[in-house]
Amino acid sequence: MTLDLLRTVGLLALSSSFMTVAWYGHLKHKELPLLAAIGISWLIALPEYLLQVPANRWGHASLSAPQLKILAEAIAIGVFLAFNALYLKEALRWNHLAGFGLVLAGLTLAMRR
């Protein structure tokens, strides 16, 4: 794996972590007014762009744009699964895992040259 690809995967994982917290972190805090949840989520998501843009720029040196998108989605699902288990503590069912497996199959297919 090249340095650009390693750097891309790392930045995509970090950016996905920010977005996952921004999109789903408020679900455990339903006592917050909706506008407050939106504002806090927006502030959490803002640094995500500082990671996502360079990840895509560097990643495009060795991957096509569709490959980058599928890679980002696979990483995002992996980050979400960890967040779901550790923070939300919601059970995963077989169909959730099967869906993730299909995304991984798509990633494998898309990465073929």
PDB file of N, CA and C in Angstrom:
ATOM      1  N   MET A   1       0.852  -1.183   0.000  1.00  0.00           N
ATOM      2  CA  MET A   1       0.000   0.000   0.000  1.00  0.00           C
ATOM      3  C   MET A   1       0.894   1.241   0.000  1.00  0.00           C
ATOM      4  N   THR A   2       0.606   2.184  -0.857  1.00  0.00           N
ATOM      5  CA  THR A   2       1.421   3.387  -0.967  1.00  0.00           C
ATOM      6  C   THR A   2       1.156   4.337   0.192  1.00  0.00           C
ATOM      7  N   LEU A   3       2.078   5.278   0.369  1.00  0.00           N
ATOM      8  CA  LEU A   3       1.915   6.281   1.431  1.00  0.00           C
ATOM      9  C   LEU A   3       0.648   7.099   1.212  1.00  0.00           C
ATOM     10  N   ASP A   4       0.382   7.482  -0.059  1.00  0.00           N
ATOM     11  CA  ASP A   4      -0.839   8.245  -0.352  1.00  0.00           C
ATOM     12  C   ASP A   4      -2.081   7.460   0.041  1.00  0.00           C
ATOM     13  N   LEU A   5      -2.089   6.162  -0.245  1.00  0.00           N
ATOM     14  CA  LEU A   5      -3.261   5.352   0.081  1.00  0.00           C
ATOM     15  C   LEU A   5      -3.401   5.169   1.593  1.00  0.00           C
ATOM     16  N   LEU A   6      -2.303   4.952   2.294  1.00  0.00           N
ATOM     17  CA  LEU A   6      -2.355   4.847   3.761  1.00  0.00           C
ATOM     18  C   LEU A   6      -2.836   6.153   4.382  1.00  0.00           C
ATOM     19  N   ARG A   7      -2.315   7.247   3.891  1.00  0.00           N
ATOM     20  CA  ARG A   7      -2.726   8.560   4.390  1.00  0.00           C
ATOM     21  C   ARG A   7      -4.209   8.802   4.091  1.00  0.00           C
ATOM     22  N   THR A   8      -4.647   8.386   2.912  1.00  0.00           N
ATOM     23  CA  THR A   8      -6.049   8.538   2.524  1.00  0.00           C
ATOM     24  C   THR A   8      -6.966   7.750   3.441  1.00  0.00           C
ATOM     25  N   VAL A   9      -6.634   6.486   3.678  1.00  0.00           N
ATOM     26  CA  VAL A   9      -7.463   5.638   4.549  1.00  0.00           C
ATOM     27  C   VAL A   9      -7.516   6.220   5.960  1.00  0.00           C
ATOM     28  N   GLY A  10      -6.379   6.671   6.481  1.00  0.00           N
ATOM     29  CA  GLY A  10      -6.353   7.256   7.824  1.00  0.00           C
ATOM     30  C   GLY A  10      -7.207   8.509   7.924  1.00  0.00           C
ATOM     31  N   LEU A  11      -7.075   9.394   6.952  1.00  0.00           N
ATOM     32  CA  LEU A  11      -7.876  10.627   6.966  1.00  0.00           C
ATOM     33  C   LEU A  11      -9.358  10.338   6.769  1.00  0.00           C
ATOM     34  N   LEU A  12      -9.676   9.366   5.911  1.00  0.00           N
ATOM     35  CA  LEU A  12     -11.082   9.003   5.723  1.00  0.00           C
ATOM     36  C   LEU A  12     -11.675   8.422   7.006  1.00  0.00           C
ATOM     37  N   ALA A  13     -10.884   7.633   7.736  1.00  0.00           N
ATOM     38  CA  ALA A  13     -11.374   7.066   9.000  1.00  0.00           C
ATOM     39  C   ALA A  13     -11.615   8.176  10.025  1.00  0.00           C
ATOM     40  N   LEU A  14     -10.703   9.130  10.096  1.00  0.00           N
ATOM     41  CA  LEU A  14     -10.890  10.253  11.036  1.00  0.00           C
ATOM     42  C   LEU A  14     -12.084  11.114  10.638  1.00  0.00           C
ATOM     43  N   SER A  15     -12.193  11.423   9.350  1.00  0.00           N
ATOM     44  CA  SER A  15     -13.310  12.265   8.913  1.00  0.00           C
ATOM     45  C   SER A  15     -14.634  11.550   9.133  1.00  0.00           C
ATOM     46  N   SER A  16     -14.657  10.254   8.903  1.00  0.00           N
ATOM     47  CA  SER A  16     -15.872   9.478   9.127  1.00  0.00           C
ATOM     48  C   SER A  16     -16.236   9.443  10.604  1.00  0.00           C
ATOM     49  N   SER A  17     -15.238   9.436  11.455  1.00  0.00           N
ATOM     50  CA  SER A  17     -15.506   9.460  12.898  1.00  0.00           C
ATOM     51  C   SER A  17     -16.210  10.754  13.295  1.00  0.00           C
ATOM     52  N   PHE A  18     -15.723  11.877  12.773  1.00  0.00           N
ATOM     53  CA  PHE A  18     -16.386  13.156  13.056  1.00  0.00           C
ATOM     54  C   PHE A  18     -17.830  13.148  12.553  1.00  0.00           C
ATOM     55  N   MET A  19     -18.022  12.684  11.314  1.00  0.00           N
ATOM     56  CA  MET A  19     -19.371  12.707  10.740  1.00  0.00           C
ATOM     57  C   MET A  19     -20.313  11.765  11.472  1.00  0.00           C
ATOM     58  N   THR A  20     -19.823  10.626  11.881  1.00  0.00           N
ATOM     59  CA  THR A  20     -20.673   9.674  12.602  1.00  0.00           C
ATOM     60  C   THR A  20     -21.141  10.278  13.918  1.00  0.00           C
ATOM     61  N   VAL A  21     -20.241  10.913  14.646  1.00  0.00           N
ATOM     62  CA  VAL A  21     -20.625  11.570  15.897  1.00  0.00           C
ATOM     63  C   VAL A  21     -21.606  12.708  15.612  1.00  0.00           C
ATOM     64  N   ALA A  22     -21.344  13.474  14.555  1.00  0.00           N
ATOM     65  CA  ALA A  22     -22.232  14.590  14.218  1.00  0.00           C
ATOM     66  C   ALA A  22     -23.627  14.093  13.837  1.00  0.00           C
ATOM     67  N   TRP A  23     -23.710  13.035  13.062  1.00  0.00           N
ATOM     68  CA  TRP A  23     -25.001  12.549  12.582  1.00  0.00           C
ATOM     69  C   TRP A  23     -25.778  11.745  13.619  1.00  0.00           C
ATOM     70  N   TYR A  24     -25.066  10.979  14.455  1.00  0.00           N
ATOM     71  CA  TYR A  24     -25.760  10.036  15.331  1.00  0.00           C
ATOM     72  C   TYR A  24     -25.546  10.266  16.826  1.00  0.00           C
ATOM     73  N   GLY A  25     -24.584  11.095  17.207  1.00  0.00           N
ATOM     74  CA  GLY A  25     -24.291  11.312  18.624  1.00  0.00           C
ATOM     75  C   GLY A  25     -25.455  11.897  19.404  1.00  0.00           C
ATOM     76  N   HIS A  26     -26.246  12.726  18.754  1.00  0.00           N
ATOM     77  CA  HIS A  26     -27.376  13.373  19.428  1.00  0.00           C
ATOM     78  C   HIS A  26     -28.506  12.408  19.762  1.00  0.00           C
ATOM     79  N   LEU A  27     -28.477  11.202  19.204  1.00  0.00           N
ATOM     80  CA  LEU A  27     -29.564  10.253  19.463  1.00  0.00           C
ATOM     81  C   LEU A  27     -29.641   9.838  20.935  1.00  0.00           C
ATOM     82  N   LYS A  28     -28.530   9.947  21.653  1.00  0.00           N
ATOM     83  CA  LYS A  28     -28.544   9.652  23.095  1.00  0.00           C
ATOM     84  C   LYS A  28     -28.894  10.884  23.926  1.00  0.00           C
ATOM     85  N   HIS A  29     -29.138  12.001  23.275  1.00  0.00           N
ATOM     86  CA  HIS A  29     -29.421  13.252  23.984  1.00  0.00           C
ATOM     87  C   HIS A  29     -30.689  13.884  23.419  1.00  0.00           C
ATOM     88  N   LYS A  30     -31.762  13.145  23.438  1.00  0.00           N
ATOM     89  CA  LYS A  30     -33.016  13.621  22.850  1.00  0.00           C
ATOM     90  C   LYS A  30     -33.666  14.728  23.683  1.00  0.00           C
ATOM     91  N   GLU A  31     -33.110  14.996  24.876  1.00  0.00           N
ATOM     92  CA  GLU A  31     -33.630  16.089  25.696  1.00  0.00           C
ATOM     93  C   GLU A  31     -33.213  17.455  25.128  1.00  0.00           C
ATOM     94  N   LEU A  32     -32.163  17.462  24.279  1.00  0.00           N
ATOM     95  CA  LEU A  32     -31.734  18.709  23.644  1.00  0.00           C
ATOM     96  C   LEU A  32     -32.776  19.160  22.633  1.00  0.00           C
ATOM     97  N   PRO A  33     -33.041  20.448  22.565  1.00  0.00           N
ATOM     98  CA  PRO A  33     -33.918  20.941  21.501  1.00  0.00           C
ATOM     99  C   PRO A  33     -33.300  20.622  20.126  1.00  0.00           C
ATOM    100  N   LEU A  34     -34.131  20.402  19.152  1.00  0.00           N
ATOM    101  CA  LEU A  34     -33.662  20.017  17.823  1.00  0.00           C
ATOM    102  C   LEU A  34     -32.680  21.033  17.248  1.00  0.00           C
ATOM    103  N   LEU A  35     -32.948  22.318  17.393  1.00  0.00           N
ATOM    104  CA  LEU A  35     -32.032  23.330  16.856  1.00  0.00           C
ATOM    105  C   LEU A  35     -30.660  23.270  17.534  1.00  0.00           C
ATOM    106  N   ALA A  36     -30.630  22.969  18.819  1.00  0.00           N
ATOM    107  CA  ALA A  36     -29.351  22.818  19.521  1.00  0.00           C
ATOM    108  C   ALA A  36     -28.598  21.601  18.983  1.00  0.00           C
ATOM    109  N   ALA A  37     -29.314  20.497  18.774  1.00  0.00           N
ATOM    110  CA  ALA A  37     -28.684  19.294  18.226  1.00  0.00           C
ATOM    111  C   ALA A  37     -28.120  19.567  16.834  1.00  0.00           C
ATOM    112  N   ILE A  38     -28.870  20.317  16.033  1.00  0.00           N
ATOM    113  CA  ILE A  38     -28.388  20.660  14.687  1.00  0.00           C
ATOM    114  C   ILE A  38     -27.133  21.520  14.775  1.00  0.00           C
ATOM    115  N   GLY A  39     -27.143  22.529  15.626  1.00  0.00           N
ATOM    116  CA  GLY A  39     -25.988  23.407  15.774  1.00  0.00           C
ATOM    117  C   GLY A  39     -24.750  22.678  16.259  1.00  0.00           C
ATOM    118  N   ILE A  40     -24.916  21.845  17.272  1.00  0.00           N
ATOM    119  CA  ILE A  40     -23.782  21.075  17.800  1.00  0.00           C
ATOM    120  C   ILE A  40     -23.264  20.107  16.741  1.00  0.00           C
ATOM    121  N   SER A  41     -24.181  19.452  16.055  1.00  0.00           N
ATOM    122  CA  SER A  41     -23.783  18.513  14.998  1.00  0.00           C
ATOM    123  C   SER A  41     -23.007  19.229  13.897  1.00  0.00           C
ATOM    124  N   TRP A  42     -23.447  20.417  13.537  1.00  0.00           N
ATOM    125  CA  TRP A  42     -22.771  21.179  12.494  1.00  0.00           C
ATOM    126  C   TRP A  42     -21.344  21.528  12.932  1.00  0.00           C
ATOM    127  N   LEU A  43     -21.191  21.937  14.190  1.00  0.00           N
ATOM    128  CA  LEU A  43     -19.852  22.274  14.688  1.00  0.00           C
ATOM    129  C   LEU A  43     -18.935  21.056  14.725  1.00  0.00           C
ATOM    130  N   ILE A  44     -19.490  19.890  15.038  1.00  0.00           N
ATOM    131  CA  ILE A  44     -18.692  18.661  15.043  1.00  0.00           C
ATOM    132  C   ILE A  44     -18.306  18.274  13.618  1.00  0.00           C
ATOM    133  N   ALA A  45     -19.221  18.498  12.681  1.00  0.00           N
ATOM    134  CA  ALA A  45     -18.978  18.105  11.291  1.00  0.00           C
ATOM    135  C   ALA A  45     -17.996  19.027  10.576  1.00  0.00           C
ATOM    136  N   LEU A  46     -17.884  20.260  11.013  1.00  0.00           N
ATOM    137  CA  LEU A  46     -17.021  21.220  10.330  1.00  0.00           C
ATOM    138  C   LEU A  46     -15.579  20.724  10.158  1.00  0.00           C
ATOM    139  N   PRO A  47     -14.921  20.199  11.202  1.00  0.00           N
ATOM    140  CA  PRO A  47     -13.546  19.700  11.006  1.00  0.00           C
ATOM    141  C   PRO A  47     -13.464  18.509  10.047  1.00  0.00           C
ATOM    142  N   GLU A  48     -14.584  17.843   9.833  1.00  0.00           N
ATOM    143  CA  GLU A  48     -14.586  16.692   8.927  1.00  0.00           C
ATOM    144  C   GLU A  48     -14.101  17.096   7.539  1.00  0.00           C
ATOM    145  N   TYR A  49     -14.463  18.284   7.089  1.00  0.00           N
ATOM    146  CA  TYR A  49     -14.046  18.748   5.767  1.00  0.00           C
ATOM    147  C   TYR A  49     -12.536  18.972   5.693  1.00  0.00           C
ATOM    148  N   LEU A  50     -11.939  19.347   6.811  1.00  0.00           N
ATOM    149  CA  LEU A  50     -10.490  19.540   6.842  1.00  0.00           C
ATOM    150  C   LEU A  50      -9.743  18.216   6.661  1.00  0.00           C
ATOM    151  N   LEU A  51     -10.430  17.118   6.911  1.00  0.00           N
ATOM    152  CA  LEU A  51      -9.847  15.791   6.732  1.00  0.00           C
ATOM    153  C   LEU A  51     -10.272  15.155   5.407  1.00  0.00           C
ATOM    154  N   GLN A  52     -11.530  15.334   5.047  1.00  0.00           N
ATOM    155  CA  GLN A  52     -12.087  14.695   3.854  1.00  0.00           C
ATOM    156  C   GLN A  52     -11.470  15.232   2.562  1.00  0.00           C
ATOM    157  N   VAL A  53     -11.321  16.543   2.463  1.00  0.00           N
ATOM    158  CA  VAL A  53     -10.807  17.134   1.217  1.00  0.00           C
ATOM    159  C   VAL A  53      -9.375  16.672   0.924  1.00  0.00           C
ATOM    160  N   PRO A  54      -8.444  16.749   1.883  1.00  0.00           N
ATOM    161  CA  PRO A  54      -7.098  16.235   1.579  1.00  0.00           C
ATOM    162  C   PRO A  54      -7.088  14.722   1.330  1.00  0.00           C
ATOM    163  N   ALA A  55      -7.945  13.977   2.037  1.00  0.00           N
ATOM    164  CA  ALA A  55      -8.005  12.528   1.810  1.00  0.00           C
ATOM    165  C   ALA A  55      -8.357  12.239   0.360  1.00  0.00           C
ATOM    166  N   ASN A  56      -9.352  12.949  -0.155  1.00  0.00           N
ATOM    167  CA  ASN A  56      -9.752  12.727  -1.547  1.00  0.00           C
ATOM    168  C   ASN A  56      -8.704  13.240  -2.526  1.00  0.00           C
ATOM    169  N   ARG A  57      -8.090  14.361  -2.210  1.00  0.00           N
ATOM    170  CA  ARG A  57      -7.069  14.907  -3.098  1.00  0.00           C
ATOM    171  C   ARG A  57      -5.888  13.950  -3.221  1.00  0.00           C
ATOM    172  N   TRP A  58      -5.380  13.474  -2.063  1.00  0.00           N
ATOM    173  CA  TRP A  58      -4.238  12.555  -2.092  1.00  0.00           C
ATOM    174  C   TRP A  58      -4.634  11.180  -2.619  1.00  0.00           C
ATOM    175  N   GLY A  59      -5.821  10.738  -2.256  1.00  0.00           N
ATOM    176  CA  GLY A  59      -6.274   9.426  -2.708  1.00  0.00           C
ATOM    177  C   GLY A  59      -6.469   9.350  -4.201  1.00  0.00           C
ATOM    178  N   HIS A  60      -6.829  10.482  -4.799  1.00  0.00           N
ATOM    179  CA  HIS A  60      -7.069  10.497  -6.249  1.00  0.00           C
ATOM    180  C   HIS A  60      -5.782  10.307  -7.038  1.00  0.00           C
ATOM    181  N   ALA A  61      -4.635  10.366  -6.369  1.00  0.00           N
ATOM    182  CA  ALA A  61      -3.362  10.088  -7.039  1.00  0.00           C
ATOM    183  C   ALA A  61      -3.261   8.624  -7.457  1.00  0.00           C
ATOM    184  N   SER A  62      -3.927   7.732  -6.702  1.00  0.00           N
ATOM    185  CA  SER A  62      -3.841   6.305  -7.030  1.00  0.00           C
ATOM    186  C   SER A  62      -5.195   5.633  -7.221  1.00  0.00           C
ATOM    187  N   LEU A  63      -6.288   6.319  -6.915  1.00  0.00           N
ATOM    188  CA  LEU A  63      -7.628   5.742  -7.055  1.00  0.00           C
ATOM    189  C   LEU A  63      -8.496   6.648  -7.906  1.00  0.00           C
ATOM    190  N   SER A  64      -9.457   6.051  -8.587  1.00  0.00           N
ATOM    191  CA  SER A  64     -10.432   6.855  -9.322  1.00  0.00           C
ATOM    192  C   SER A  64     -11.434   7.439  -8.323  1.00  0.00           C
ATOM    193  N   ALA A  65     -12.203   8.424  -8.757  1.00  0.00           N
ATOM    194  CA  ALA A  65     -13.218   9.020  -7.885  1.00  0.00           C
ATOM    195  C   ALA A  65     -14.246   7.979  -7.415  1.00  0.00           C
ATOM    196  N   PRO A  66     -14.751   7.090  -8.304  1.00  0.00           N
ATOM    197  CA  PRO A  66     -15.677   6.060  -7.805  1.00  0.00           C
ATOM    198  C   PRO A  66     -15.028   5.124  -6.782  1.00  0.00           C
ATOM    199  N   GLN A  67     -13.762   4.781  -6.982  1.00  0.00           N
ATOM    200  CA  GLN A  67     -13.066   3.944  -6.002  1.00  0.00           C
ATOM    201  C   GLN A  67     -12.950   4.658  -4.667  1.00  0.00           C
ATOM    202  N   LEU A  68     -12.629   5.947  -4.703  1.00  0.00           N
ATOM    203  CA  LEU A  68     -12.541   6.734  -3.468  1.00  0.00           C
ATOM    204  C   LEU A  68     -13.871   6.746  -2.729  1.00  0.00           C
ATOM    205  N   LYS A  69     -14.966   6.933  -3.457  1.00  0.00           N
ATOM    206  CA  LYS A  69     -16.286   7.007  -2.825  1.00  0.00           C
ATOM    207  C   LYS A  69     -16.652   5.684  -2.174  1.00  0.00           C
ATOM    208  N   ILE A  70     -16.423   4.587  -2.858  1.00  0.00           N
ATOM    209  CA  ILE A  70     -16.762   3.278  -2.294  1.00  0.00           C
ATOM    210  C   ILE A  70     -15.875   2.980  -1.088  1.00  0.00           C
ATOM    211  N   LEU A  71     -14.588   3.333  -1.176  1.00  0.00           N
ATOM    212  CA  LEU A  71     -13.691   3.164  -0.027  1.00  0.00           C
ATOM    213  C   LEU A  71     -14.189   3.979   1.162  1.00  0.00           C
ATOM    214  N   ALA A  72     -14.578   5.231   0.918  1.00  0.00           N
ATOM    215  CA  ALA A  72     -15.075   6.090   1.998  1.00  0.00           C
ATOM    216  C   ALA A  72     -16.337   5.504   2.628  1.00  0.00           C
ATOM    217  N   GLU A  73     -17.227   4.961   1.819  1.00  0.00           N
ATOM    218  CA  GLU A  73     -18.460   4.365   2.354  1.00  0.00           C
ATOM    219  C   GLU A  73     -18.168   3.127   3.185  1.00  0.00           C
ATOM    220  N   ALA A  74     -17.241   2.291   2.725  1.00  0.00           N
ATOM    221  CA  ALA A  74     -16.881   1.092   3.494  1.00  0.00           C
ATOM    222  C   ALA A  74     -16.273   1.487   4.839  1.00  0.00           C
ATOM    223  N   ILE A  75     -15.401   2.486   4.835  1.00  0.00           N
ATOM    224  CA  ILE A  75     -14.803   2.967   6.086  1.00  0.00           C
ATOM    225  C   ILE A  75     -15.888   3.555   6.977  1.00  0.00           C
ATOM    226  N   ALA A  76     -16.796   4.328   6.402  1.00  0.00           N
ATOM    227  CA  ALA A  76     -17.872   4.951   7.185  1.00  0.00           C
ATOM    228  C   ALA A  76     -18.744   3.892   7.855  1.00  0.00           C
ATOM    229  N   ILE A  77     -19.027   2.818   7.174  1.00  0.00           N
ATOM    230  CA  ILE A  77     -19.841   1.755   7.782  1.00  0.00           C
ATOM    231  C   ILE A  77     -19.074   1.087   8.909  1.00  0.00           C
ATOM    232  N   GLY A  78     -17.790   0.843   8.709  1.00  0.00           N
ATOM    233  CA  GLY A  78     -16.981   0.262   9.779  1.00  0.00           C
ATOM    234  C   GLY A  78     -16.938   1.160  11.008  1.00  0.00           C
ATOM    235  N   VAL A  79     -16.745   2.462  10.788  1.00  0.00           N
ATOM    236  CA  VAL A  79     -16.744   3.420  11.899  1.00  0.00           C
ATOM    237  C   VAL A  79     -18.108   3.421  12.580  1.00  0.00           C
ATOM    238  N   PHE A  80     -19.178   3.406  11.779  1.00  0.00           N
ATOM    239  CA  PHE A  80     -20.517   3.407  12.357  1.00  0.00           C
ATOM    240  C   PHE A  80     -20.766   2.152  13.192  1.00  0.00           C
ATOM    241  N   LEU A  81     -20.332   1.002  12.716  1.00  0.00           N
ATOM    242  CA  LEU A  81     -20.539  -0.232  13.482  1.00  0.00           C
ATOM    243  C   LEU A  81     -19.860  -0.149  14.849  1.00  0.00           C
ATOM    244  N   ALA A  82     -18.651   0.390  14.876  1.00  0.00           N
ATOM    245  CA  ALA A  82     -17.951   0.550  16.157  1.00  0.00           C
ATOM    246  C   ALA A  82     -18.688   1.562  17.043  1.00  0.00           C
ATOM    247  N   PHE A  83     -19.115   2.679  16.472  1.00  0.00           N
ATOM    248  CA  PHE A  83     -19.850   3.704  17.221  1.00  0.00           C
ATOM    249  C   PHE A  83     -21.158   3.141  17.764  1.00  0.00           C
ATOM    250  N   ASN A  84     -21.843   2.401  16.937  1.00  0.00           N
ATOM    251  CA  ASN A  84     -23.112   1.794  17.339  1.00  0.00           C
ATOM    252  C   ASN A  84     -22.928   0.858  18.526  1.00  0.00           C
ATOM    253  N   ALA A  85     -21.894   0.046  18.473  1.00  0.00           N
ATOM    254  CA  ALA A  85     -21.652  -0.917  19.548  1.00  0.00           C
ATOM    255  C   ALA A  85     -21.172  -0.230  20.827  1.00  0.00           C
ATOM    256  N   LEU A  86     -20.241   0.713  20.689  1.00  0.00           N
ATOM    257  CA  LEU A  86     -19.610   1.317  21.867  1.00  0.00           C
ATOM    258  C   LEU A  86     -20.421   2.456  22.482  1.00  0.00           C
ATOM    259  N   TYR A  87     -21.100   3.258  21.661  1.00  0.00           N
ATOM    260  CA  TYR A  87     -21.780   4.450  22.171  1.00  0.00           C
ATOM    261  C   TYR A  87     -23.289   4.263  22.247  1.00  0.00           C
ATOM    262  N   LEU A  88     -23.890   3.861  21.147  1.00  0.00           N
ATOM    263  CA  LEU A  88     -25.347   3.697  21.151  1.00  0.00           C
ATOM    264  C   LEU A  88     -25.785   2.392  21.812  1.00  0.00           C
ATOM    265  N   LYS A  89     -24.906   1.405  21.776  1.00  0.00           N
ATOM    266  CA  LYS A  89     -25.165   0.092  22.383  1.00  0.00           C
ATOM    267  C   LYS A  89     -26.447  -0.556  21.828  1.00  0.00           C
ATOM    268  N   GLU A  90     -26.643  -0.395  20.524  1.00  0.00           N
ATOM    269  CA  GLU A  90     -27.773  -1.034  19.856  1.00  0.00           C
ATOM    270  C   GLU A  90     -27.304  -2.348  19.234  1.00  0.00           C
ATOM    271  N   ALA A  91     -28.136  -3.355  19.319  1.00  0.00           N
ATOM    272  CA  ALA A  91     -27.782  -4.667  18.791  1.00  0.00           C
ATOM    273  C   ALA A  91     -27.755  -4.658  17.270  1.00  0.00           C
ATOM    274  N   LEU A  92     -26.821  -5.401  16.725  1.00  0.00           N
ATOM    275  CA  LEU A  92     -26.774  -5.614  15.284  1.00  0.00           C
ATOM    276  C   LEU A  92     -27.413  -6.961  14.976  1.00  0.00           C
ATOM    277  N   ARG A  93     -28.156  -6.988  13.895  1.00  0.00           N
ATOM    278  CA  ARG A  93     -28.777  -8.238  13.471  1.00  0.00           C
ATOM    279  C   ARG A  93     -28.019  -8.784  12.268  1.00  0.00           C
ATOM    280  N   TRP A  94     -28.354 -10.011  11.916  1.00  0.00           N
ATOM    281  CA  TRP A  94     -27.655 -10.671  10.814  1.00  0.00           C
ATOM    282  C   TRP A  94     -27.786  -9.870   9.520  1.00  0.00           C
ATOM    283  N   ASN A  95     -28.944  -9.252   9.296  1.00  0.00           N
ATOM    284  CA  ASN A  95     -29.150  -8.522   8.045  1.00  0.00           C
ATOM    285  C   ASN A  95     -28.296  -7.253   7.977  1.00  0.00           C
ATOM    286  N   HIS A  96     -28.007  -6.641   9.137  1.00  0.00           N
ATOM    287  CA  HIS A  96     -27.101  -5.490   9.147  1.00  0.00           C
ATOM    288  C   HIS A  96     -25.701  -5.938   8.718  1.00  0.00           C
ATOM    289  N   LEU A  97     -25.247  -7.036   9.288  1.00  0.00           N
ATOM    290  CA  LEU A  97     -23.918  -7.551   8.952  1.00  0.00           C
ATOM    291  C   LEU A  97     -23.853  -8.021   7.505  1.00  0.00           C
ATOM    292  N   ALA A  98     -24.941  -8.626   7.022  1.00  0.00           N
ATOM    293  CA  ALA A  98     -24.986  -9.057   5.622  1.00  0.00           C
ATOM    294  C   ALA A  98     -24.913  -7.842   4.699  1.00  0.00           C
ATOM    295  N   GLY A  99     -25.602  -6.764   5.057  1.00  0.00           N
ATOM    296  CA  GLY A  99     -25.542  -5.539   4.263  1.00  0.00           C
ATOM    297  C   GLY A  99     -24.134  -4.979   4.215  1.00  0.00           C
ATOM    298  N   PHE A 100     -23.444  -4.986   5.351  1.00  0.00           N
ATOM    299  CA  PHE A 100     -22.066  -4.519   5.382  1.00  0.00           C
ATOM    300  C   PHE A 100     -21.187  -5.413   4.516  1.00  0.00           C
ATOM    301  N   GLY A 101     -21.439  -6.716   4.572  1.00  0.00           N
ATOM    302  CA  GLY A 101     -20.697  -7.651   3.723  1.00  0.00           C
ATOM    303  C   GLY A 101     -20.876  -7.348   2.244  1.00  0.00           C
ATOM    304  N   LEU A 102     -22.079  -6.955   1.860  1.00  0.00           N
ATOM    305  CA  LEU A 102     -22.330  -6.600   0.461  1.00  0.00           C
ATOM    306  C   LEU A 102     -21.567  -5.329   0.064  1.00  0.00           C
ATOM    307  N   VAL A 103     -21.483  -4.378   0.992  1.00  0.00           N
ATOM    308  CA  VAL A 103     -20.696  -3.175   0.705  1.00  0.00           C
ATOM    309  C   VAL A 103     -19.221  -3.545   0.524  1.00  0.00           C
ATOM    310  N   LEU A 104     -18.717  -4.427   1.372  1.00  0.00           N
ATOM    311  CA  LEU A 104     -17.331  -4.880   1.229  1.00  0.00           C
ATOM    312  C   LEU A 104     -17.124  -5.612  -0.085  1.00  0.00           C
ATOM    313  N   ALA A 105     -18.122  -6.393  -0.493  1.00  0.00           N
ATOM    314  CA  ALA A 105     -18.033  -7.070  -1.796  1.00  0.00           C
ATOM    315  C   ALA A 105     -17.973  -6.028  -2.912  1.00  0.00           C
ATOM    316  N   GLY A 106     -18.779  -4.964  -2.786  1.00  0.00           N
ATOM    317  CA  GLY A 106     -18.746  -3.886  -3.768  1.00  0.00           C
ATOM    318  C   GLY A 106     -17.406  -3.197  -3.790  1.00  0.00           C
ATOM    319  N   LEU A 107     -16.796  -2.990  -2.626  1.00  0.00           N
ATOM    320  CA  LEU A 107     -15.485  -2.372  -2.542  1.00  0.00           C
ATOM    321  C   LEU A 107     -14.454  -3.239  -3.261  1.00  0.00           C
ATOM    322  N   THR A 108     -14.504  -4.533  -3.000  1.00  0.00           N
ATOM    323  CA  THR A 108     -13.581  -5.458  -3.644  1.00  0.00           C
ATOM    324  C   THR A 108     -13.732  -5.393  -5.163  1.00  0.00           C
ATOM    325  N   LEU A 109     -14.968  -5.371  -5.625  1.00  0.00           N
ATOM    326  CA  LEU A 109     -15.240  -5.295  -7.058  1.00  0.00           C
ATOM    327  C   LEU A 109     -14.736  -3.975  -7.646  1.00  0.00           C
ATOM    328  N   ALA A 110     -14.998  -2.881  -6.953  1.00  0.00           N
ATOM    329  CA  ALA A 110     -14.624  -1.560  -7.478  1.00  0.00           C
ATOM    330  C   ALA A 110     -13.110  -1.352  -7.505  1.00  0.00           C
ATOM    331  N   MET A 111     -12.373  -1.999  -6.626  1.00  0.00           N
ATOM    332  CA  MET A 111     -10.935  -1.817  -6.562  1.00  0.00           C
ATOM    333  C   MET A 111     -10.181  -2.594  -7.639  1.00  0.00           C
ATOM    334  N   ARG A 112     -10.886  -3.461  -8.363  1.00  0.00           N
ATOM    335  CA  ARG A 112     -10.230  -4.213  -9.441  1.00  0.00           C
ATOM    336  C   ARG A 112      -9.829  -3.249 -10.548  1.00  0.00           C
ATOM    337  N   ARG A 113      -8.704  -3.480 -11.100  1.00  0.00           N
ATOM    338  CA  ARG A 113      -8.205  -2.602 -12.183  1.00  0.00           C
ATOM    339  C   ARG A 113      -8.668  -3.097 -13.524  1.00  0.00           C
TER     340      ARG A 113
END
